[in-house]
Amino acid sequence: MLDAARHTVEPTLRAAVGTLPASMARMAGYHFGWWDEYGTAVRAGGGKALRPALVLAAAKTVGCTGPDAVPAAAAVELVHNFSLVHDDVIDGDETRRHRETVWKVFGASPAILAGDALLMLALDVLAHCEHPATPQAMRTLGATVMELLDGQSADLAFESLSNVDLSECLTMAELKTGALLGSACALGGLYGGATAPQLGHLTAFGRQLGLAFQHVDDLLGIWGDPTVTGKPVFSDLRNRKKSLPVVAALTSGTPAGDELSQLYHRERPLTEAELNRAAQLVDLAGGRDWSQDQADDLLVRALHDLHACAAQNRADADLTALAQLVVQRDR
C-alpha cells in the first residue's frame, strides 16, 4: 500500500515541484530523493508515504475507487515534508533518510525557504482541484498547519523548561503529529464523499493513530537502529528533547528518573557514555514501557473509530493494516 501510494502521488508531486523557481525546485527534489544536490537524477529514499496512503485508504473506506483523492494525498505529503525540512533546521539534524539533510547541503536559510515553498505548493495543489470538497479541504488543511506549528512551538519551548508536565507533552504531540494524520484521514473522507458521522470517526481514527505514531517515533529516536531509521543515533537525547518516553521517565518519581533529570539539566553536551546511560535511565524509569503501552492502547481506540466508520461496508482493511504498521514499525 505504501509503495502504491508513493507511485500514485509522485507524478502530482513532481508536477507541483516543477512549478517552483529553479533554486527551490532543486532543494525540494533533493529532499524527495529524486536527484542529488547538482540536479542529477538518483533514486534515494523518499520517505514512507504513510500520510498519502492514509488519504487514499480513507477515501476507499467510504467508497471512492477513482483518483479524486490524489490531489489531497499530494497536499498532505507536501505539508509533511515542509515540516521535516524545517524540523531538521531547528533540531540541527544532519541526516535524514540515509543522506544529508537539505540545510546541511544547501544551508539553513535556503532550506527554510524550500520548506516554505513546499507549504505553499500544498495549498496550490488543492486550489487547482475542482472537486466540490475542495473549499472545506483547504480550510481543514490550513487549520491543521496552525495546529502543527503550535505543537512545534511547544516542543521548542520545552527545551528551555526545567520541568514539563506529561499532559503538556501529550498535548504537544497531539498537535505536532496527531493533527496531520487526522487531517489526512479527514481529507480522504471528504474527497471520498464521507457522511458527517463518517468524517468524525475518520478524523478521530487519524488523530489517535498520529499520537501512537509519535510514541513509536520517540521510542525509535532512542532505541531505533540508525541504519534502518536513517536518523542520527540518540538525536533527541543529544538535543535534550522532552519526548514522550523521556518526560514519562522524568516525572516518574523514581531514582532512575532523578538521575536522568541531572543529566538532562547539565549545561555541557553529553558524552557518548552519558547518552547511553540516559537511554538506560529512560528504560529503568518506565518511560519505554509506558510509551509502548500507550501506542498499543491508542491503536485499539483508533480501530474502534475506524470500525464505527466502516460498519456498513466493512471496507476498512487498508486502514487497519496501516494502523498496525504504525505501531509495529522499525523506522
Protein backbone atom coordinates (compact mmCIF):
# COMPACT_ATOMS: atom_id res chain seq x y z
CA MET A 1 0.00 0.00 0.00
CA LEU A 2 2.83 2.40 0.81
CA ASP A 3 4.55 1.67 -2.49
CA ALA A 4 1.27 2.04 -4.36
CA ALA A 5 0.55 5.36 -2.66
CA ARG A 6 4.04 6.64 -3.45
CA HIS A 7 3.72 5.73 -7.13
CA THR A 8 0.21 7.18 -7.31
CA VAL A 9 1.10 10.52 -5.75
CA GLU A 10 4.61 11.06 -7.14
CA PRO A 11 3.52 12.39 -10.57
CA THR A 12 1.42 15.05 -8.86
CA LEU A 13 4.31 15.91 -6.52
CA ARG A 14 6.78 16.17 -9.40
CA ALA A 15 4.41 18.35 -11.40
CA ALA A 16 3.94 20.65 -8.41
CA VAL A 17 7.66 20.89 -7.67
CA GLY A 18 8.21 21.63 -11.35
CA THR A 19 6.29 24.90 -10.96
CA LEU A 20 8.77 26.22 -8.36
CA PRO A 21 11.64 28.58 -9.13
CA ALA A 22 14.74 26.58 -10.05
CA SER A 23 16.50 27.20 -6.73
CA MET A 24 13.51 25.97 -4.73
CA ALA A 25 12.83 23.04 -7.05
CA ARG A 26 16.42 21.77 -6.72
CA MET A 27 16.18 21.62 -2.93
CA ALA A 28 12.70 20.10 -2.97
CA GLY A 29 13.71 17.40 -5.45
CA TYR A 30 16.80 16.63 -3.40
CA HIS A 31 14.68 16.29 -0.26
CA PHE A 32 12.26 13.92 -2.01
CA GLY A 33 15.19 11.79 -3.17
CA TRP A 34 14.65 12.38 -6.89
CA TRP A 35 18.07 13.84 -7.60
CA ASP A 36 21.35 14.79 -5.95
CA GLU A 37 22.42 18.28 -4.94
CA TYR A 38 23.51 19.01 -8.52
CA GLY A 39 20.17 18.03 -10.04
CA THR A 40 21.33 14.67 -11.40
CA ALA A 41 18.61 12.03 -11.25
CA VAL A 42 19.04 9.44 -8.48
CA ARG A 43 16.68 7.14 -6.63
CA ALA A 44 17.22 7.79 -2.95
CA GLY A 45 14.70 7.03 -0.23
CA GLY A 46 11.79 9.45 -0.27
CA GLY A 47 10.08 8.51 2.98
CA LYS A 48 7.40 6.01 3.92
CA ALA A 49 4.48 7.76 2.15
CA LEU A 50 2.30 6.91 5.15
CA ARG A 51 0.23 10.09 5.03
CA PRO A 52 -0.76 9.90 1.35
CA ALA A 53 -1.52 6.21 1.89
CA LEU A 54 -3.88 7.20 4.70
CA VAL A 55 -5.63 9.74 2.47
CA LEU A 56 -6.17 7.21 -0.29
CA ALA A 57 -7.21 4.43 2.09
CA ALA A 58 -9.67 6.72 3.90
CA ALA A 59 -11.26 7.67 0.59
CA LYS A 60 -11.51 3.99 -0.31
CA THR A 61 -13.09 3.21 3.05
CA VAL A 62 -16.04 5.47 2.24
CA GLY A 63 -16.40 4.18 -1.31
CA CYS A 64 -14.03 6.22 -3.51
CA THR A 65 -12.22 4.00 -6.03
CA GLY A 66 -11.10 6.67 -8.51
CA PRO A 67 -8.40 9.39 -8.50
CA ASP A 68 -10.45 12.08 -6.74
CA ALA A 69 -8.36 11.96 -3.55
CA VAL A 70 -4.92 12.05 -5.23
CA PRO A 71 -4.51 15.87 -5.02
CA ALA A 72 -5.38 15.74 -1.33
CA ALA A 73 -2.83 12.94 -0.81
CA ALA A 74 -0.17 15.04 -2.54
CA ALA A 75 -1.08 18.13 -0.50
CA VAL A 76 -0.77 16.26 2.80
CA GLU A 77 2.61 14.86 1.75
CA LEU A 78 3.82 18.35 0.84
CA VAL A 79 2.78 19.69 4.25
CA HIS A 80 4.53 16.79 5.96
CA ASN A 81 7.75 17.41 4.07
CA PHE A 82 7.59 21.15 4.72
CA SER A 83 7.59 20.28 8.42
CA LEU A 84 10.51 17.85 8.04
CA VAL A 85 12.72 20.36 6.24
CA HIS A 86 12.05 22.94 8.95
CA ASP A 87 12.43 20.41 11.79
CA ASP A 88 15.88 19.45 10.55
CA VAL A 89 16.96 23.10 10.60
CA ILE A 90 15.52 23.66 14.08
CA ASP A 91 16.99 20.46 15.55
CA GLY A 92 20.30 20.70 13.70
CA ASP A 93 19.90 17.14 12.40
CA GLU A 94 22.41 16.47 9.65
CA THR A 95 20.97 13.24 8.21
CA ARG A 96 17.53 12.06 7.14
CA ARG A 97 16.60 9.07 5.02
CA HIS A 98 20.24 7.94 4.95
CA ARG A 99 21.57 11.15 3.35
CA GLU A 100 22.45 14.68 4.37
CA THR A 101 19.53 16.96 5.16
CA VAL A 102 18.57 19.89 2.94
CA TRP A 103 20.02 22.50 5.27
CA LYS A 104 23.30 20.58 5.57
CA VAL A 105 23.73 20.58 1.79
CA PHE A 106 22.27 23.95 0.82
CA GLY A 107 22.43 25.97 4.05
CA ALA A 108 19.90 26.73 6.78
CA SER A 109 18.37 29.87 5.28
CA PRO A 110 17.80 28.35 1.82
CA ALA A 111 16.31 25.25 3.48
CA ILE A 112 13.79 27.39 5.35
CA LEU A 113 12.74 28.95 2.05
CA ALA A 114 12.43 25.50 0.48
CA GLY A 115 10.17 24.41 3.33
CA ASP A 116 8.02 27.50 2.87
CA ALA A 117 7.74 26.69 -0.84
CA LEU A 118 6.52 23.15 -0.09
CA LEU A 119 3.83 24.52 2.21
CA MET A 120 2.56 26.92 -0.43
CA LEU A 121 2.58 24.12 -3.01
CA ALA A 122 0.29 22.06 -0.78
CA LEU A 123 -2.37 24.76 -0.84
CA ASP A 124 -1.82 25.38 -4.56
CA VAL A 125 -2.37 21.70 -5.39
CA LEU A 126 -5.70 21.76 -3.57
CA ALA A 127 -6.70 25.13 -5.04
CA HIS A 128 -6.44 23.73 -8.56
CA CYS A 129 -8.71 20.80 -7.72
CA GLU A 130 -12.29 21.34 -8.92
CA HIS A 131 -13.84 18.77 -6.58
CA PRO A 132 -16.75 20.21 -4.52
CA ALA A 133 -14.98 19.21 -1.29
CA THR A 134 -12.00 21.49 -2.05
CA PRO A 135 -13.07 24.59 -0.04
CA GLN A 136 -13.63 22.54 3.10
CA ALA A 137 -10.43 20.59 2.45
CA MET A 138 -8.39 23.79 2.21
CA ARG A 139 -9.85 25.08 5.46
CA THR A 140 -9.14 21.76 7.13
CA LEU A 141 -5.55 21.65 5.94
CA GLY A 142 -4.95 25.28 6.88
CA ALA A 143 -6.23 24.68 10.40
CA THR A 144 -4.03 21.59 10.61
CA VAL A 145 -0.91 23.57 9.72
CA MET A 146 -1.70 26.02 12.52
CA GLU A 147 -2.01 23.12 14.97
CA LEU A 148 1.25 21.65 13.70
CA LEU A 149 3.04 24.98 14.21
CA ASP A 150 1.55 25.34 17.68
CA GLY A 151 2.85 21.89 18.55
CA GLN A 152 6.29 22.66 17.17
CA SER A 153 6.36 25.90 19.17
CA ALA A 154 5.53 23.99 22.36
CA ASP A 155 8.22 21.43 21.56
CA LEU A 156 10.79 24.22 21.26
CA ALA A 157 9.61 25.88 24.46
CA PHE A 158 10.02 22.62 26.36
CA GLU A 159 13.76 22.62 25.65
CA SER A 160 14.25 25.67 27.87
CA LEU A 161 11.94 24.49 30.66
CA SER A 162 13.36 22.52 33.55
CA ASN A 163 10.05 20.77 34.21
CA VAL A 164 7.40 19.67 31.70
CA ASP A 165 4.16 18.03 32.74
CA LEU A 166 3.28 14.79 30.96
CA SER A 167 -0.14 16.12 29.98
CA GLU A 168 1.55 19.13 28.34
CA CYS A 169 3.82 16.78 26.41
CA LEU A 170 0.86 14.73 25.21
CA THR A 171 -0.95 17.86 24.05
CA MET A 172 2.17 18.93 22.14
CA ALA A 173 2.37 15.54 20.41
CA GLU A 174 -1.33 15.61 19.53
CA LEU A 175 -0.80 18.96 17.82
CA LYS A 176 2.55 18.26 16.21
CA THR A 177 1.79 14.79 14.86
CA GLY A 178 -1.78 13.75 15.56
CA ALA A 179 -3.30 16.73 13.77
CA LEU A 180 -1.75 15.92 10.38
CA LEU A 181 -2.66 12.23 10.43
CA GLY A 182 -6.17 13.20 11.47
CA SER A 183 -6.28 15.68 8.61
CA ALA A 184 -5.01 13.06 6.16
CA CYS A 185 -7.90 10.77 7.03
CA ALA A 186 -10.38 13.65 7.03
CA LEU A 187 -9.29 14.82 3.58
CA GLY A 188 -9.56 11.29 2.24
CA GLY A 189 -13.05 11.13 3.66
CA LEU A 190 -14.01 14.49 2.17
CA TYR A 191 -12.88 13.57 -1.32
CA GLY A 192 -14.43 10.14 -0.94
CA GLY A 193 -17.86 11.54 -0.10
CA ALA A 194 -17.99 10.65 3.60
CA THR A 195 -21.04 11.47 5.65
CA ALA A 196 -20.61 13.80 8.64
CA PRO A 197 -20.53 10.89 11.14
CA GLN A 198 -18.03 9.00 8.99
CA LEU A 199 -15.86 12.12 8.76
CA GLY A 200 -15.87 12.42 12.55
CA HIS A 201 -14.81 8.81 13.00
CA LEU A 202 -12.08 9.07 10.35
CA THR A 203 -10.67 12.21 11.96
CA ALA A 204 -10.67 10.62 15.41
CA PHE A 205 -9.04 7.49 13.97
CA GLY A 206 -6.27 9.54 12.37
CA ARG A 207 -5.58 11.74 15.38
CA GLN A 208 -5.30 8.76 17.72
CA LEU A 209 -3.12 6.98 15.21
CA GLY A 210 -0.96 10.11 14.97
CA LEU A 211 -0.35 10.15 18.71
CA ALA A 212 0.52 6.44 18.57
CA PHE A 213 2.90 7.27 15.73
CA GLN A 214 4.64 9.88 17.90
CA HIS A 215 5.05 7.43 20.76
CA VAL A 216 6.70 4.94 18.43
CA ASP A 217 8.76 7.67 16.75
CA ASP A 218 10.09 8.81 20.12
CA LEU A 219 10.98 5.23 21.03
CA LEU A 220 12.83 4.79 17.74
CA GLY A 221 14.57 8.11 18.35
CA ILE A 222 16.26 6.49 21.34
CA TRP A 223 16.44 2.78 20.57
CA GLY A 224 15.99 2.61 16.80
CA ASP A 225 18.75 1.32 14.55
CA PRO A 226 20.19 4.33 12.63
CA THR A 227 20.94 2.07 9.64
CA VAL A 228 17.19 1.38 9.46
CA THR A 229 15.68 4.68 10.61
CA GLY A 230 18.07 6.91 8.65
CA LYS A 231 18.21 9.26 11.66
CA PRO A 232 21.19 10.09 13.91
CA VAL A 233 21.59 7.86 16.96
CA PHE A 234 20.42 9.48 20.22
CA SER A 235 19.50 12.68 18.38
CA ASP A 236 16.61 13.52 20.73
CA LEU A 237 18.68 12.80 23.84
CA ARG A 238 21.61 14.78 22.49
CA ASN A 239 19.30 17.78 21.97
CA ARG A 240 17.66 17.24 25.41
CA LYS A 241 14.26 16.99 23.73
CA LYS A 242 11.31 16.40 26.02
CA SER A 243 9.96 13.43 24.07
CA LEU A 244 7.11 11.33 25.43
CA PRO A 245 9.13 8.45 26.99
CA VAL A 246 11.67 10.94 28.36
CA VAL A 247 9.02 13.08 30.08
CA ALA A 248 7.34 9.94 31.41
CA ALA A 249 10.71 8.94 32.90
CA LEU A 250 11.49 12.43 34.25
CA THR A 251 8.12 12.62 36.03
CA SER A 252 8.19 9.02 37.29
CA GLY A 253 9.44 9.85 40.79
CA THR A 254 11.96 7.01 40.53
CA PRO A 255 15.71 7.07 41.28
CA ALA A 256 16.35 6.47 37.59
CA GLY A 257 14.15 9.43 36.71
CA ASP A 258 16.03 11.64 39.17
CA GLU A 259 19.39 10.61 37.68
CA LEU A 260 18.07 11.28 34.20
CA SER A 261 16.98 14.75 35.32
CA GLN A 262 20.50 15.51 36.50
CA LEU A 263 21.90 14.52 33.09
CA TYR A 264 19.24 16.46 31.18
CA HIS A 265 19.84 19.65 33.12
CA ARG A 266 23.60 19.79 32.61
CA GLU A 267 24.80 22.71 30.53
CA ARG A 268 27.65 20.91 28.77
CA PRO A 269 26.95 18.41 25.97
CA LEU A 270 26.50 14.80 26.99
CA THR A 271 29.26 12.37 26.13
CA GLU A 272 28.53 9.17 24.24
CA ALA A 273 28.72 7.23 27.51
CA GLU A 274 26.26 9.64 29.13
CA LEU A 275 23.90 9.36 26.16
CA ASN A 276 23.91 5.59 26.53
CA ARG A 277 23.27 5.99 30.24
CA ALA A 278 20.41 8.39 29.59
CA ALA A 279 18.77 5.81 27.32
CA GLN A 280 19.15 3.17 30.04
CA LEU A 281 17.61 5.52 32.60
CA VAL A 282 14.55 6.21 30.43
CA ASP A 283 14.04 2.44 30.28
CA LEU A 284 14.66 1.88 34.00
CA ALA A 285 12.25 4.68 34.94
CA GLY A 286 9.48 3.04 32.91
CA GLY A 287 9.34 5.53 30.03
CA ARG A 288 9.94 2.92 27.37
CA ASP A 289 7.18 0.55 28.54
CA TRP A 290 4.76 3.42 29.13
CA SER A 291 5.11 4.76 25.60
CA GLN A 292 4.73 1.32 24.05
CA ASP A 293 1.63 0.62 26.17
CA GLN A 294 0.18 3.99 25.17
CA ALA A 295 0.77 3.26 21.49
CA ASP A 296 -0.94 -0.12 21.80
CA ASP A 297 -3.93 1.40 23.60
CA LEU A 298 -4.25 4.20 21.05
CA LEU A 299 -4.27 1.61 18.27
CA VAL A 300 -7.22 -0.17 19.89
CA ARG A 301 -9.13 3.10 20.26
CA ALA A 302 -8.33 4.18 16.71
CA LEU A 303 -9.55 0.88 15.30
CA HIS A 304 -12.78 1.24 17.28
CA ASP A 305 -13.46 4.54 15.49
CA LEU A 306 -12.49 3.04 12.16
CA HIS A 307 -14.86 0.12 12.54
CA ALA A 308 -17.65 2.51 13.52
CA CYS A 309 -17.00 4.48 10.32
CA ALA A 310 -16.94 1.42 8.08
CA ALA A 311 -19.64 -0.60 9.84
CA GLN A 312 -21.93 -0.56 6.84
CA ASN A 313 -19.46 -1.71 4.18
CA ARG A 314 -16.52 -3.13 6.18
CA ALA A 315 -14.10 -1.52 3.69
CA ASP A 316 -11.53 -0.83 6.37
CA ALA A 317 -8.85 -3.45 5.65
CA ASP A 318 -6.32 -0.98 4.23
CA LEU A 319 -6.62 1.50 7.07
CA THR A 320 -6.44 -1.33 9.60
CA ALA A 321 -3.20 -2.58 8.05
CA LEU A 322 -1.71 0.93 8.01
CA ALA A 323 -2.65 1.46 11.64
CA GLN A 324 -0.99 -1.78 12.68
CA LEU A 325 2.11 -0.80 10.70
CA VAL A 326 2.36 2.50 12.60
CA VAL A 327 2.63 0.72 15.94
CA GLN A 328 4.81 -2.18 14.77
CA ARG A 329 7.25 -0.28 12.50
CA ASP A 330 11.02 -0.14 12.99
CA ARG A 331 11.65 3.09 11.08
